[in-house]
Amino acid sequence: MRNTKARSLPFTLAGLAPAIFALVVAGFALPIAAQDTPLLSGGVGFFYNTSGPNSDYQPHVEPLIAAPIGPRILFESRSILQEDITPKGRGQSGYNHSHFINLIYMQGDIHAAPHMNLILGDFLLPFNTYNERLSEIWIQNFQFAPLTAGLGTLGSGSGIGAMVSGSGISNEHHNFTYNGWYSARSGNTQFNSRRSFGGRGTMYLPDARLEMGISYDRQLQATHENFYGLHVWWEPKDTAFRLRSEYSRGHHAHGYWVEADYRSQAFGGLDSLVGRFEPVFRLQQTFRRDTLVSDGLPFVNTQQVDFGFNYNLPHNTRILASYSRQFSSKNTNIWQTGIVYRFLFPAWKGK
């Protein structure tokens, strides 16, 4: 149920070889000062999902490394190690197991100029916001991605090639940031991508704590298609309320999602017993323009309402629980619970 936006790899040491080699190069190719110690981060989670008559258990680890190489280069990578456990069919006892490793991205960031960074490698496509900013398990309010998350990200969620990003204009009243990328075609099992180009422009207004952005992606492989995106985020000042929303449009389908969450500060602050509770809500809809290609969306118009209740424990641990009702040609109830721990520590002790 959860959309990780990654490619499934064989669960073998051979599948890990490119990532291990890159980490070794990043860690030892150049001397690293104490203040530039690589950071190991990520999340460990265990989820239980029930969708209609089907249920499954999903324990997994999502590690991330950020390794500076000198003053202008940063290597970073994130992957998922996941197990899927499902009960056997009616009349059978026991469980079915499947496991895989997903490499989500692996890139090098070069600070090329005061207002420009150059990203090379296998990078997350910055179409709208969910794929790049919210897909980590320790950040997600819900355990599954919105229905429209695949629109504009070309299925795999990442591209292999080059991207430029940075801040074009920045002052105390507004900040404009940009991204522009080109992705080459790759049919490699472990590093798969489609040929495309696109970009995103975002305006942030600090006084209103309001962010607005537009995205564009052009698929250049097989049937050429255009994808358009629009996102709006709002976090009112001096509150713990957040509103996030996206609209995505492709050639065959379009849709939107709106998500809100809130934590009360009225009973001793965010770290109080009450302040750790976090109710969340998401409304999403998808609409078909035709049924030629799914683009990862349902083949029928679908509406889904998600209600969640999360609890933020100390030491970066979260308990997540949610109920969803999907309305389409066949209505479905979706129940999900889980616990996530976010870890962060240096690769070795600094001096």
Protein backbone atom coordinates (compact mmCIF):
# COMPACT_ATOMS: atom_id res chain seq x y z
CA MET A 1 0.00 0.00 0.00
CA ARG A 2 2.83 2.34 0.80
CA ASN A 3 4.38 4.02 -2.23
CA THR A 4 8.12 4.23 -1.64
CA LYS A 5 8.90 5.75 -5.04
CA ALA A 6 11.81 3.40 -5.65
CA ARG A 7 12.85 0.45 -7.72
CA SER A 8 12.77 -3.10 -6.43
CA LEU A 9 16.18 -4.78 -6.41
CA PRO A 10 17.17 -8.39 -5.85
CA PHE A 11 17.87 -9.14 -2.19
CA THR A 12 21.53 -10.07 -2.76
CA LEU A 13 24.92 -8.66 -1.92
CA ALA A 14 25.45 -8.06 -5.62
CA GLY A 15 22.54 -5.62 -5.54
CA LEU A 16 24.28 -3.66 -2.80
CA ALA A 17 27.67 -3.50 -4.53
CA PRO A 18 27.26 -0.10 -6.29
CA ALA A 19 26.01 1.59 -3.13
CA ILE A 20 28.75 0.04 -0.97
CA PHE A 21 31.43 1.08 -3.46
CA ALA A 22 30.11 4.65 -3.56
CA LEU A 23 30.06 4.89 0.22
CA VAL A 24 33.64 3.67 0.44
CA VAL A 25 34.78 6.22 -2.15
CA ALA A 26 32.88 9.00 -0.41
CA GLY A 27 34.34 8.12 2.97
CA PHE A 28 37.97 7.54 2.07
CA ALA A 29 38.81 9.19 -1.27
CA LEU A 30 39.60 12.53 0.35
CA PRO A 31 40.59 13.53 3.91
CA ILE A 32 37.55 14.64 5.90
CA ALA A 33 37.91 17.12 8.73
CA ALA A 34 36.25 16.51 12.09
CA GLN A 35 33.56 19.11 11.41
CA ASP A 36 32.75 17.33 8.11
CA THR A 37 32.05 13.93 9.66
CA PRO A 38 29.56 11.91 7.57
CA LEU A 39 26.12 11.51 9.14
CA LEU A 40 24.15 8.28 9.23
CA SER A 41 20.43 8.82 9.51
CA GLY A 42 17.13 7.21 8.57
CA GLY A 43 14.22 5.39 10.10
CA VAL A 44 13.16 1.98 11.37
CA GLY A 45 9.48 1.12 11.10
CA PHE A 46 6.96 -1.64 11.60
CA PHE A 47 3.52 -1.32 9.95
CA TYR A 48 0.30 -3.31 9.87
CA ASN A 49 -2.14 -2.68 6.99
CA THR A 50 -5.67 -3.92 6.33
CA SER A 51 -7.34 -3.06 3.01
CA GLY A 52 -10.72 -4.72 2.58
CA PRO A 53 -10.18 -8.47 3.18
CA ASN A 54 -6.38 -8.26 2.74
CA SER A 55 -3.82 -7.57 5.45
CA ASP A 56 -0.04 -7.53 5.71
CA TYR A 57 2.88 -6.71 8.02
CA GLN A 58 5.78 -4.56 6.84
CA PRO A 59 8.96 -4.25 8.94
CA HIS A 60 11.67 -2.24 7.22
CA VAL A 61 14.69 -0.01 7.61
CA GLU A 62 15.27 3.16 5.59
CA PRO A 63 18.92 4.25 6.00
CA LEU A 64 20.41 7.50 4.71
CA ILE A 65 23.98 8.76 4.54
CA ALA A 66 25.21 12.33 4.02
CA ALA A 67 29.00 12.54 3.57
CA PRO A 68 30.75 15.89 2.92
CA ILE A 69 33.83 15.69 0.68
CA GLY A 70 35.70 18.92 1.14
CA PRO A 71 33.93 22.29 1.40
CA ARG A 72 31.87 22.10 -1.83
CA ILE A 73 30.82 18.47 -2.38
CA LEU A 74 28.25 16.36 -0.54
CA PHE A 75 27.48 12.71 -1.25
CA GLU A 76 24.07 11.44 -0.12
CA SER A 77 22.04 8.29 -0.61
CA ARG A 78 18.89 6.64 0.78
CA SER A 79 17.55 3.10 0.45
CA ILE A 80 14.90 0.76 1.88
CA LEU A 81 15.22 -2.77 3.22
CA GLN A 82 11.70 -4.15 3.54
CA GLU A 83 9.95 -7.41 4.40
CA ASP A 84 6.34 -8.07 3.43
CA ILE A 85 4.46 -10.70 5.45
CA THR A 86 0.94 -11.72 4.41
CA PRO A 87 -1.37 -14.44 5.78
CA LYS A 88 -1.96 -17.35 3.42
CA GLY A 89 -5.33 -17.84 1.75
CA ARG A 90 -8.50 -19.24 3.25
CA GLY A 91 -8.08 -22.74 4.62
CA GLN A 92 -4.29 -22.43 4.85
CA SER A 93 -2.17 -21.70 7.90
CA GLY A 94 1.02 -19.67 8.09
CA TYR A 95 2.31 -16.64 6.20
CA ASN A 96 3.86 -15.77 2.85
CA HIS A 97 7.10 -13.77 2.91
CA SER A 98 8.75 -11.53 0.35
CA HIS A 99 11.70 -9.19 0.77
CA PHE A 100 13.60 -6.72 -1.33
CA ILE A 101 16.00 -3.78 -1.24
CA ASN A 102 15.12 -0.49 -2.90
CA LEU A 103 17.73 2.12 -3.73
CA ILE A 104 15.79 5.37 -3.66
CA TYR A 105 18.54 7.75 -4.77
CA MET A 106 22.32 8.19 -4.81
CA GLN A 107 23.74 11.55 -5.80
CA GLY A 108 26.58 14.00 -5.50
CA ASP A 109 25.82 17.68 -4.70
CA ILE A 110 28.32 20.30 -5.86
CA HIS A 111 28.14 23.89 -4.63
CA ALA A 112 28.97 25.46 -7.99
CA ALA A 113 28.07 29.13 -7.32
CA PRO A 114 26.52 31.29 -4.57
CA HIS A 115 23.02 30.73 -6.00
CA MET A 116 23.43 27.36 -7.71
CA ASN A 117 24.06 23.75 -6.75
CA LEU A 118 24.77 21.05 -9.33
CA ILE A 119 23.40 17.56 -8.58
CA LEU A 120 24.74 14.54 -10.45
CA GLY A 121 23.71 10.89 -10.26
CA ASP A 122 20.44 9.21 -9.38
CA PHE A 123 18.31 11.97 -7.83
CA LEU A 124 14.70 12.35 -6.70
CA LEU A 125 12.61 14.23 -9.25
CA PRO A 126 11.45 17.50 -7.63
CA PHE A 127 7.99 17.44 -9.21
CA ASN A 128 5.60 19.07 -6.70
CA THR A 129 6.70 18.27 -3.12
CA TYR A 130 5.74 14.79 -1.91
CA ASN A 131 8.38 12.76 -3.74
CA GLU A 132 11.31 14.90 -2.64
CA ARG A 133 10.25 16.20 0.79
CA LEU A 134 7.65 13.90 2.37
CA SER A 135 8.34 10.34 1.24
CA GLU A 136 10.63 9.47 4.19
CA ILE A 137 8.93 7.21 6.73
CA TRP A 138 10.03 9.42 9.65
CA ILE A 139 8.32 12.47 8.08
CA GLN A 140 5.11 11.02 6.64
CA ASN A 141 1.85 11.67 8.46
CA PHE A 142 0.34 8.63 6.75
CA GLN A 143 2.02 5.34 5.94
CA PHE A 144 1.06 5.50 2.27
CA ALA A 145 1.62 8.05 -0.47
CA PRO A 146 -1.20 10.08 -2.06
CA LEU A 147 -2.86 8.50 -5.09
CA THR A 148 -1.34 11.15 -7.39
CA ALA A 149 2.25 10.73 -6.14
CA GLY A 150 3.30 8.95 -9.36
CA LEU A 151 2.13 11.70 -11.72
CA GLY A 152 5.12 13.67 -12.97
CA THR A 153 7.69 11.41 -11.29
CA LEU A 154 7.62 8.82 -14.10
CA GLY A 155 6.92 5.81 -11.92
CA SER A 156 10.39 5.28 -10.44
CA GLY A 157 10.41 8.66 -8.69
CA SER A 158 13.99 9.41 -9.70
CA GLY A 159 16.07 10.34 -12.70
CA ILE A 160 19.66 9.64 -13.71
CA GLY A 161 21.46 12.67 -15.07
CA ALA A 162 21.98 16.24 -13.86
CA MET A 163 19.99 18.85 -11.98
CA VAL A 164 20.58 22.46 -10.97
CA SER A 165 18.90 24.00 -7.95
CA GLY A 166 19.30 27.03 -5.78
CA SER A 167 17.89 30.28 -4.50
CA GLY A 168 17.35 32.87 -7.22
CA ILE A 169 16.09 35.73 -5.05
CA SER A 170 16.14 35.89 -1.27
CA ASN A 171 15.37 38.65 1.25
CA GLU A 172 13.34 39.09 4.43
CA HIS A 173 10.04 39.35 2.52
CA HIS A 174 10.26 36.65 -0.14
CA ASN A 175 12.45 33.79 -1.34
CA PHE A 176 12.35 32.25 -4.81
CA THR A 177 13.98 28.84 -5.35
CA TYR A 178 14.32 26.83 -8.54
CA ASN A 179 15.08 23.32 -9.81
CA GLY A 180 15.80 22.19 -13.36
CA TRP A 181 16.76 18.68 -14.44
CA TYR A 182 17.50 16.39 -17.33
CA SER A 183 17.18 12.62 -16.92
CA ALA A 184 18.65 10.11 -19.37
CA ARG A 185 17.18 6.75 -20.26
CA SER A 186 18.56 3.79 -18.31
CA GLY A 187 17.33 0.22 -18.52
CA ASN A 188 19.67 -1.05 -15.81
CA THR A 189 17.82 -3.17 -13.24
CA GLN A 190 19.36 -1.33 -10.33
CA PHE A 191 19.44 2.18 -11.80
CA ASN A 192 16.34 2.56 -13.95
CA SER A 193 15.12 5.88 -15.32
CA ARG A 194 13.25 7.43 -18.24
CA ARG A 195 14.41 10.23 -20.51
CA SER A 196 12.79 13.49 -19.47
CA PHE A 197 13.39 17.10 -18.52
CA GLY A 198 11.54 19.49 -16.24
CA GLY A 199 11.69 21.99 -13.46
CA ARG A 200 10.04 23.55 -10.44
CA GLY A 201 9.80 27.15 -9.27
CA THR A 202 8.80 27.98 -5.68
CA MET A 203 7.99 31.27 -3.95
CA TYR A 204 8.07 31.44 -0.15
CA LEU A 205 6.67 34.42 1.80
CA PRO A 206 8.19 34.40 5.33
CA ASP A 207 5.75 36.97 6.76
CA ALA A 208 2.73 34.85 5.81
CA ARG A 209 4.64 31.55 6.13
CA LEU A 210 3.12 30.65 2.77
CA GLU A 211 4.77 28.64 -0.02
CA MET A 212 3.49 28.31 -3.59
CA GLY A 213 5.11 26.46 -6.47
CA ILE A 214 4.60 25.16 -9.98
CA SER A 215 6.19 22.10 -11.61
CA TYR A 216 6.61 20.80 -15.15
CA ASP A 217 7.87 17.51 -16.53
CA ARG A 218 8.23 16.46 -20.16
CA GLN A 219 8.61 12.74 -20.88
CA LEU A 220 10.85 12.23 -23.91
CA GLN A 221 10.74 8.44 -24.07
CA ALA A 222 8.14 6.37 -25.97
CA THR A 223 4.98 8.53 -26.08
CA HIS A 224 5.95 12.12 -25.33
CA GLU A 225 3.76 13.54 -22.58
CA ASN A 226 3.58 16.68 -20.45
CA PHE A 227 2.90 16.74 -16.71
CA TYR A 228 1.94 19.85 -14.72
CA GLY A 229 1.93 20.41 -10.97
CA LEU A 230 0.91 23.03 -8.43
CA HIS A 231 1.53 23.00 -4.68
CA VAL A 232 0.58 25.25 -1.76
CA TRP A 233 1.90 24.94 1.81
CA TRP A 234 0.83 27.12 4.75
CA GLU A 235 2.12 27.07 8.33
CA PRO A 236 0.61 29.98 10.32
CA LYS A 237 3.02 31.77 12.63
CA ASP A 238 3.09 30.82 16.31
CA THR A 239 0.99 27.70 15.75
CA ALA A 240 1.67 24.02 15.17
CA PHE A 241 -0.86 23.81 12.36
CA ARG A 242 0.30 22.77 8.87
CA LEU A 243 -1.64 22.69 5.61
CA ARG A 244 -0.13 21.03 2.55
CA SER A 245 -1.68 20.48 -0.86
CA GLU A 246 -0.82 19.42 -4.41
CA TYR A 247 -2.50 19.26 -7.77
CA SER A 248 -1.04 17.09 -10.58
CA ARG A 249 -2.15 16.74 -14.17
CA GLY A 250 -1.03 14.27 -16.81
CA HIS A 251 -2.23 13.35 -20.27
CA HIS A 252 -4.49 10.52 -19.03
CA ALA A 253 -5.51 11.58 -15.51
CA HIS A 254 -5.31 14.33 -12.93
CA GLY A 255 -5.99 14.76 -9.23
CA TYR A 256 -5.23 16.53 -5.99
CA TRP A 257 -4.65 15.99 -2.28
CA VAL A 258 -5.01 18.31 0.71
CA GLU A 259 -3.50 17.38 4.09
CA ALA A 260 -3.66 19.11 7.48
CA ASP A 261 -2.16 18.28 10.88
CA TYR A 262 -2.17 20.06 14.22
CA ARG A 263 -0.51 19.85 17.64
CA SER A 264 -1.77 21.86 20.61
CA GLN A 265 0.58 24.13 22.58
CA ALA A 266 -2.07 25.16 25.13
CA PHE A 267 -1.33 22.50 27.75
CA GLY A 268 2.40 22.83 28.41
CA GLY A 269 3.82 23.02 24.88
CA LEU A 270 4.55 20.45 22.18
CA ASP A 271 6.47 18.16 24.57
CA SER A 272 3.59 17.85 27.04
CA LEU A 273 1.35 14.79 27.21
CA VAL A 274 -1.37 16.57 25.21
CA GLY A 275 1.04 18.40 22.89
CA ARG A 276 2.45 15.12 21.61
CA PHE A 277 -0.93 14.12 20.12
CA GLU A 278 -1.22 14.97 16.42
CA PRO A 279 -4.54 14.51 14.58
CA VAL A 280 -4.14 14.47 10.79
CA PHE A 281 -6.56 14.60 7.88
CA ARG A 282 -6.19 14.16 4.13
CA LEU A 283 -8.67 14.44 1.28
CA GLN A 284 -7.71 13.25 -2.19
CA GLN A 285 -9.44 12.76 -5.53
CA THR A 286 -8.37 11.46 -8.93
CA PHE A 287 -10.14 11.96 -12.26
CA ARG A 288 -9.72 9.98 -15.49
CA ARG A 289 -9.31 11.73 -18.82
CA ASP A 290 -9.15 8.35 -20.59
CA THR A 291 -8.37 4.73 -19.74
CA LEU A 292 -5.50 4.16 -22.18
CA VAL A 293 -2.72 4.33 -19.55
CA SER A 294 -3.11 4.34 -15.77
CA ASP A 295 -0.12 6.61 -14.91
CA GLY A 296 -0.25 4.75 -11.59
CA LEU A 297 -3.71 6.13 -10.81
CA PRO A 298 -6.96 4.12 -10.53
CA PHE A 299 -8.75 3.44 -13.82
CA VAL A 300 -11.95 4.94 -12.38
CA ASN A 301 -12.61 8.28 -10.71
CA THR A 302 -11.71 7.83 -7.05
CA GLN A 303 -12.19 9.80 -3.86
CA GLN A 304 -10.44 8.92 -0.61
CA VAL A 305 -10.72 10.41 2.87
CA ASP A 306 -7.93 9.66 5.38
CA PHE A 307 -8.12 10.23 9.14
CA GLY A 308 -5.04 9.74 11.31
CA PHE A 309 -4.03 10.07 14.93
CA ASN A 310 -0.29 10.13 15.61
CA TYR A 311 1.58 10.34 18.90
CA ASN A 312 5.08 11.82 19.06
CA LEU A 313 7.06 9.99 21.74
CA PRO A 314 10.42 11.25 23.05
CA HIS A 315 13.66 10.29 21.30
CA ASN A 316 12.27 10.68 17.75
CA THR A 317 9.71 7.87 17.98
CA ARG A 318 6.21 8.15 16.50
CA ILE A 319 3.12 5.95 16.73
CA LEU A 320 0.86 6.23 13.67
CA ALA A 321 -2.73 5.07 13.29
CA SER A 322 -5.13 5.87 10.47
CA TYR A 323 -8.43 4.95 8.87
CA SER A 324 -9.26 5.59 5.21
CA ARG A 325 -12.42 5.20 3.19
CA GLN A 326 -11.98 4.92 -0.56
CA PHE A 327 -14.98 5.69 -2.75
CA SER A 328 -14.90 4.37 -6.32
CA SER A 329 -16.63 1.60 -8.27
CA LYS A 330 -15.89 -0.58 -5.22
CA ASN A 331 -15.77 1.14 -1.83
CA THR A 332 -12.97 0.02 0.48
CA ASN A 333 -11.99 0.51 4.14
CA ILE A 334 -8.27 0.83 4.89
CA TRP A 335 -6.84 0.52 8.42
CA GLN A 336 -3.17 1.12 9.17
CA THR A 337 -1.04 1.26 12.31
CA GLY A 338 2.68 1.50 12.82
CA ILE A 339 5.61 2.72 14.85
CA VAL A 340 8.64 4.60 13.47
CA TYR A 341 11.96 5.47 15.07
CA ARG A 342 14.20 8.09 13.46
CA PHE A 343 17.95 7.74 14.11
CA LEU A 344 20.78 10.22 13.52
CA PHE A 345 24.42 9.89 14.53
CA PRO A 346 27.90 10.65 13.11
CA ALA A 347 29.76 7.89 11.28
CA TRP A 348 32.61 8.30 13.77
CA LYS A 349 33.42 10.49 16.73
CA GLY A 350 34.71 13.94 15.82
CA LYS A 351 37.67 15.55 17.52
